[in-house]
Protein backbone atom coordinates (compact mmCIF):
# COMPACT_ATOMS: atom_id res chain seq x y z
CA MET A 1 95.47 -33.43 -38.42
CA ILE A 2 91.77 -34.18 -38.95
CA CYS A 3 90.20 -34.72 -42.37
CA PRO A 4 87.52 -32.05 -42.94
CA VAL A 5 85.47 -34.53 -45.01
CA CYS A 6 85.37 -37.83 -43.14
CA GLY A 7 86.83 -36.65 -39.77
CA ASN A 8 89.71 -39.06 -39.84
CA ALA A 9 92.54 -37.97 -37.44
CA GLN A 10 96.13 -38.59 -38.45
CA ASP A 11 99.46 -37.08 -37.50
CA THR A 12 101.29 -37.01 -40.83
CA GLY A 13 100.57 -37.08 -44.53
CA ASP A 14 99.38 -34.62 -47.15
CA GLU A 15 96.14 -36.44 -47.76
CA CYS A 16 93.58 -38.37 -45.71
CA PHE A 17 94.35 -42.02 -45.34
CA SER A 18 90.63 -42.83 -45.36
CA CYS A 19 89.04 -40.69 -48.12
CA LYS A 20 92.17 -39.49 -49.91
CA THR A 21 91.22 -35.83 -49.43
CA PRO A 22 94.24 -33.44 -49.66
CA LEU A 23 95.13 -32.01 -46.27
CA ASN A 24 96.48 -28.45 -45.71
CA THR A 25 99.65 -28.03 -43.65
CA SER A 26 101.05 -25.16 -41.58
CA ALA A 27 98.62 -22.19 -41.64
CA GLY A 28 95.78 -24.20 -43.24
CA ALA A 29 96.09 -26.94 -40.65
CA LYS A 30 94.43 -24.84 -38.03
CA SER A 31 91.52 -23.99 -40.31
CA GLY A 32 91.08 -27.69 -41.22
CA THR A 33 91.14 -28.65 -37.60
CA SER A 34 88.50 -26.04 -36.82
CA SER A 35 86.27 -27.27 -39.65
CA ALA A 36 86.63 -30.84 -38.48
CA ILE A 37 85.70 -29.85 -34.95
CA ASP A 38 82.62 -28.01 -36.17
CA LEU A 39 81.61 -31.04 -38.19
CA MET A 40 82.05 -33.29 -35.18
CA ASP A 41 79.93 -30.92 -33.08
CA LYS A 42 77.18 -31.00 -35.69
CA LEU A 43 77.25 -34.81 -35.80
CA ASP A 44 77.08 -34.96 -31.99
CA ALA A 45 74.16 -32.49 -31.95
CA ALA A 46 72.32 -34.51 -34.58
CA ASN A 47 72.90 -37.74 -32.67
CA LYS A 48 71.66 -36.16 -29.46
CA ALA A 49 68.54 -34.82 -31.21
CA ASN A 50 67.80 -38.26 -32.64
CA ALA A 51 68.30 -39.88 -29.27
CA LEU A 52 66.02 -37.30 -27.59
CA GLU A 53 63.31 -37.83 -30.17
CA ALA A 54 63.54 -41.60 -29.76
CA ALA A 55 63.28 -41.22 -26.00
CA GLU A 56 60.16 -39.03 -26.35
CA VAL A 57 58.55 -41.58 -28.63
CA GLN A 58 59.27 -44.34 -26.14
CA ASP A 59 57.88 -42.26 -23.29
CA GLN A 60 54.55 -41.73 -25.06
CA PRO A 61 51.93 -44.26 -23.92
CA ALA A 62 50.87 -46.77 -26.54
CA PRO A 63 47.32 -46.24 -27.79
CA SER A 64 44.99 -48.47 -25.90
CA PRO A 65 43.10 -50.92 -28.06
CA ALA A 66 39.39 -50.35 -28.60
CA PRO A 67 37.49 -51.84 -25.71
CA ALA A 68 35.84 -55.05 -26.65
CA SER A 69 32.08 -55.14 -26.47
CA THR A 70 31.08 -56.28 -23.06
CA ALA A 71 27.41 -56.82 -24.04
CA THR A 72 26.44 -60.45 -23.84
CA VAL A 73 23.58 -62.00 -25.79
CA ASP A 74 21.07 -63.87 -23.70
CA PRO A 75 19.83 -66.99 -25.56
CA ALA A 76 16.54 -66.84 -23.67
CA MET A 77 15.93 -63.31 -24.91
CA ASN A 78 16.63 -64.43 -28.49
CA LEU A 79 14.13 -67.26 -28.17
CA GLU A 80 11.55 -64.94 -26.68
CA GLU A 81 12.01 -62.44 -29.52
CA GLU A 82 11.75 -65.20 -32.14
CA GLY A 83 8.60 -66.44 -30.42
CA ARG A 84 7.03 -62.99 -30.62
CA LEU A 85 7.92 -62.67 -34.31
CA LEU A 86 6.50 -66.11 -35.04
CA ALA A 87 3.30 -65.31 -33.16
CA ALA A 88 2.93 -62.08 -35.13
CA LYS A 89 3.37 -63.95 -38.42
CA LEU A 90 0.81 -66.56 -37.40
CA GLN A 91 -1.61 -63.80 -36.44
CA LYS A 92 -1.20 -62.15 -39.84
CA MET A 93 -1.69 -65.49 -41.59
CA GLU A 94 -4.87 -66.13 -39.61
CA GLU A 95 -6.20 -62.67 -40.46
CA GLU A 96 -5.41 -63.22 -44.13
CA LYS A 97 -7.18 -66.59 -43.99
CA GLN A 98 -10.27 -65.02 -42.47
CA ARG A 99 -10.23 -62.28 -45.09
CA LEU A 100 -10.03 -64.83 -47.91
CA LEU A 101 -12.84 -66.88 -46.37
CA GLU A 102 -15.03 -63.79 -46.15
CA MET A 103 -14.26 -62.93 -49.77
CA LYS A 104 -15.13 -66.49 -50.83
CA SER A 105 -18.37 -66.38 -48.85
CA GLN A 106 -19.36 -63.07 -50.41
CA ARG A 107 -18.49 -64.33 -53.89
CA ASP A 108 -20.51 -67.52 -53.38
CA LYS A 109 -23.42 -65.43 -52.13
CA GLN A 110 -23.23 -63.17 -55.17
CA ILE A 111 -23.05 -66.18 -57.50
CA GLN A 112 -26.06 -67.72 -55.76
CA GLU A 113 -27.98 -64.48 -56.08
CA ILE A 114 -27.14 -64.23 -59.77
CA LYS A 115 -28.22 -67.83 -60.34
CA SER A 116 -31.43 -67.22 -58.43
CA GLN A 117 -32.14 -64.15 -60.53
CA GLU A 118 -31.44 -66.05 -63.74
CA ILE A 119 -33.68 -68.91 -62.64
CA GLN A 120 -36.42 -66.47 -61.72
CA GLN A 121 -36.08 -64.70 -65.06
CA GLU A 122 -36.29 -68.02 -66.90
CA ALA A 123 -39.31 -69.02 -64.83
CA ASP A 124 -41.01 -65.72 -65.60
CA ARG A 125 -40.23 -66.10 -69.29
CA PHE A 126 -41.74 -69.60 -69.30
CA LYS A 127 -44.77 -68.44 -67.35
CA ASN A 128 -45.41 -65.54 -69.74
CA ILE A 129 -45.41 -67.68 -72.90
CA VAL A 130 -48.74 -67.17 -74.63
CA VAL A 131 -50.59 -70.21 -76.05
CA THR A 132 -53.56 -69.38 -78.26
CA PRO A 133 -55.55 -70.97 -81.08
CA LEU A 134 -55.53 -67.59 -82.87
CA GLN A 135 -53.05 -66.82 -85.60
CA MET A 136 -51.78 -63.76 -83.74
CA VAL A 137 -51.84 -62.09 -80.34
CA ALA A 138 -53.85 -58.88 -80.10
CA ASN A 139 -51.72 -55.71 -80.34
CA LYS A 140 -48.52 -57.76 -80.43
CA PRO A 141 -47.12 -58.19 -83.91
CA ILE A 142 -45.08 -61.27 -84.72
CA LEU A 143 -41.38 -60.48 -85.03
CA GLU A 144 -40.00 -63.93 -85.82
CA HIS A 145 -41.28 -67.42 -86.58
CA LYS A 146 -39.38 -70.20 -84.81
CA GLY A 147 -41.19 -73.14 -86.41
CA MET A 148 -43.98 -75.63 -85.84
CA ILE A 149 -44.06 -77.54 -82.58
CA CYS A 150 -46.21 -80.43 -81.40
CA SER A 151 -47.03 -82.60 -78.43
CA GLN A 152 -48.98 -85.77 -77.80
CA VAL A 153 -50.64 -87.01 -74.63
CA ILE A 154 -51.98 -90.55 -74.21
CA ILE A 155 -54.72 -91.20 -71.68
CA LYS A 156 -54.93 -94.88 -70.84
CA LYS A 157 -58.07 -96.87 -70.36
CA GLU A 158 -57.82 -96.61 -66.58
CA GLY A 159 -57.98 -92.86 -66.94
CA PHE A 160 -61.46 -92.76 -68.39
CA GLN A 161 -63.23 -95.91 -67.27
CA GLY A 162 -66.93 -95.40 -67.27
CA VAL A 163 -66.92 -93.09 -70.29
CA ILE A 164 -69.79 -94.90 -71.91
CA SER A 165 -71.73 -95.10 -68.66
CA GLY A 166 -71.01 -91.43 -68.12
CA LEU A 167 -72.53 -90.60 -71.49
CA LYS A 168 -75.66 -92.49 -70.49
CA ASP A 169 -76.06 -90.53 -67.24
CA ALA A 170 -79.05 -88.32 -66.76
CA ALA A 171 -79.06 -84.86 -68.27
CA GLY A 172 -76.73 -82.41 -66.48
CA ILE A 173 -74.66 -85.20 -64.98
CA ARG A 174 -71.22 -86.09 -66.35
CA ASN A 175 -68.59 -88.68 -65.55
CA THR A 176 -66.16 -86.87 -63.22
CA THR A 177 -63.29 -89.30 -63.72
CA TYR A 178 -63.37 -88.98 -67.50
CA PHE A 179 -63.48 -85.20 -67.63
CA GLU A 180 -60.87 -84.74 -64.91
CA ASN A 181 -58.39 -86.93 -66.73
CA LEU A 182 -59.20 -85.28 -70.02
CA LYS A 183 -58.59 -81.90 -68.40
CA LYS A 184 -55.22 -83.12 -67.09
CA GLY A 185 -54.34 -84.32 -70.58
CA TYR A 186 -55.06 -80.91 -72.08
CA SER A 187 -53.04 -79.19 -69.37
CA ILE A 188 -50.08 -81.47 -70.01
CA GLY A 189 -50.32 -80.91 -73.78
CA PHE A 190 -50.32 -77.10 -73.47
CA SER A 191 -47.42 -77.26 -71.01
CA ASP A 192 -45.47 -79.35 -73.50
CA LEU A 193 -46.04 -76.70 -76.17
CA LYS A 194 -44.74 -74.02 -73.82
CA ILE A 195 -41.67 -76.13 -73.04
CA GLU A 196 -40.91 -76.57 -76.75
CA ALA A 197 -41.39 -72.84 -77.35
CA PHE A 198 -39.12 -72.06 -74.39
CA LYS A 199 -36.38 -74.21 -75.91
CA LEU A 200 -36.66 -72.24 -79.15
CA LYS A 201 -36.55 -68.93 -77.20
CA ALA A 202 -40.03 -68.08 -78.41
CA ASN A 203 -42.53 -66.24 -76.24
CA ALA A 204 -45.78 -67.33 -77.86
CA VAL A 205 -47.45 -70.27 -79.60
CA VAL A 206 -50.16 -69.29 -82.07
CA GLY A 207 -52.55 -71.28 -84.24
CA VAL A 208 -52.79 -74.09 -81.69
CA THR A 209 -54.98 -77.03 -82.72
CA VAL A 210 -55.96 -80.08 -80.67
CA THR A 211 -57.19 -83.38 -82.08
CA GLN A 212 -58.17 -86.53 -80.27
CA HIS A 213 -58.87 -90.08 -81.34
CA PHE A 214 -59.07 -93.52 -79.82
CA LEU A 215 -56.40 -96.08 -80.37
CA PRO A 216 -57.63 -99.07 -82.36
CA GLY A 217 -58.37 -102.33 -80.63
CA ASP A 218 -59.50 -102.94 -77.10
CA THR A 219 -56.87 -100.71 -75.51
CA GLY A 220 -59.44 -98.06 -74.84
CA ALA A 221 -56.73 -95.37 -74.83
CA ILE A 222 -57.15 -91.91 -76.28
CA ILE A 223 -54.51 -89.72 -77.90
CA LEU A 224 -54.53 -85.92 -77.71
CA SER A 225 -52.39 -84.24 -80.38
CA PHE A 226 -51.35 -80.58 -80.02
CA THR A 227 -49.73 -78.48 -82.76
CA GLY A 228 -48.84 -74.80 -83.00
CA ASP A 229 -46.43 -72.21 -84.39
CA ALA A 230 -43.71 -70.94 -82.04
CA VAL A 231 -43.14 -67.21 -82.59
CA VAL A 232 -41.52 -64.19 -81.04
CA ILE A 233 -43.92 -61.31 -80.42
CA SER A 234 -43.20 -57.77 -79.35
């Protein structure tokens, strides 16, 4: 007899020695034997299928690993490429340097031009300052009074030696040295008034008076005194 559950074969007994399953006798013995045979056939078929599947898996070729990169890096090529990059960077730096130098040169030129224009404007303003003994300038009303200004010029004895002898010269003849130095003294005095007016941002000096007198003693020097009113005119 064969156990229909576990397939255990035994000759006698009403139940399976292995799994304790009741066994049929007489007429049912044949049916149990047939069931056990079918079960054994199924187990054999399953084992054969598993074995066939395992054999097919073994027969399949193993996947080949990804080919390793065969490209090799040439150190010389790397150095050459780095050299080109470095040269390009140096070229860009040089171009940037030149651009900055040009910008600086243009800026310095513009600054110089502006300074030159300012100097020229100041020079023109100084040149156009009016100095007059009158109390006003014709057709130019006074807009602002800046205050009184003065200047003094001393002409030493060496500057007008021969004054007395010059006064004794014949009619129509004058002492050139005396008058030339006196003229220079007046020019210096008027220039001083213009400088003082320029400092006060005035553009005219009106009511200018000039006085002169000799210093006491034997110095023989003469003093020229200049006074005026610094004003702004239209």
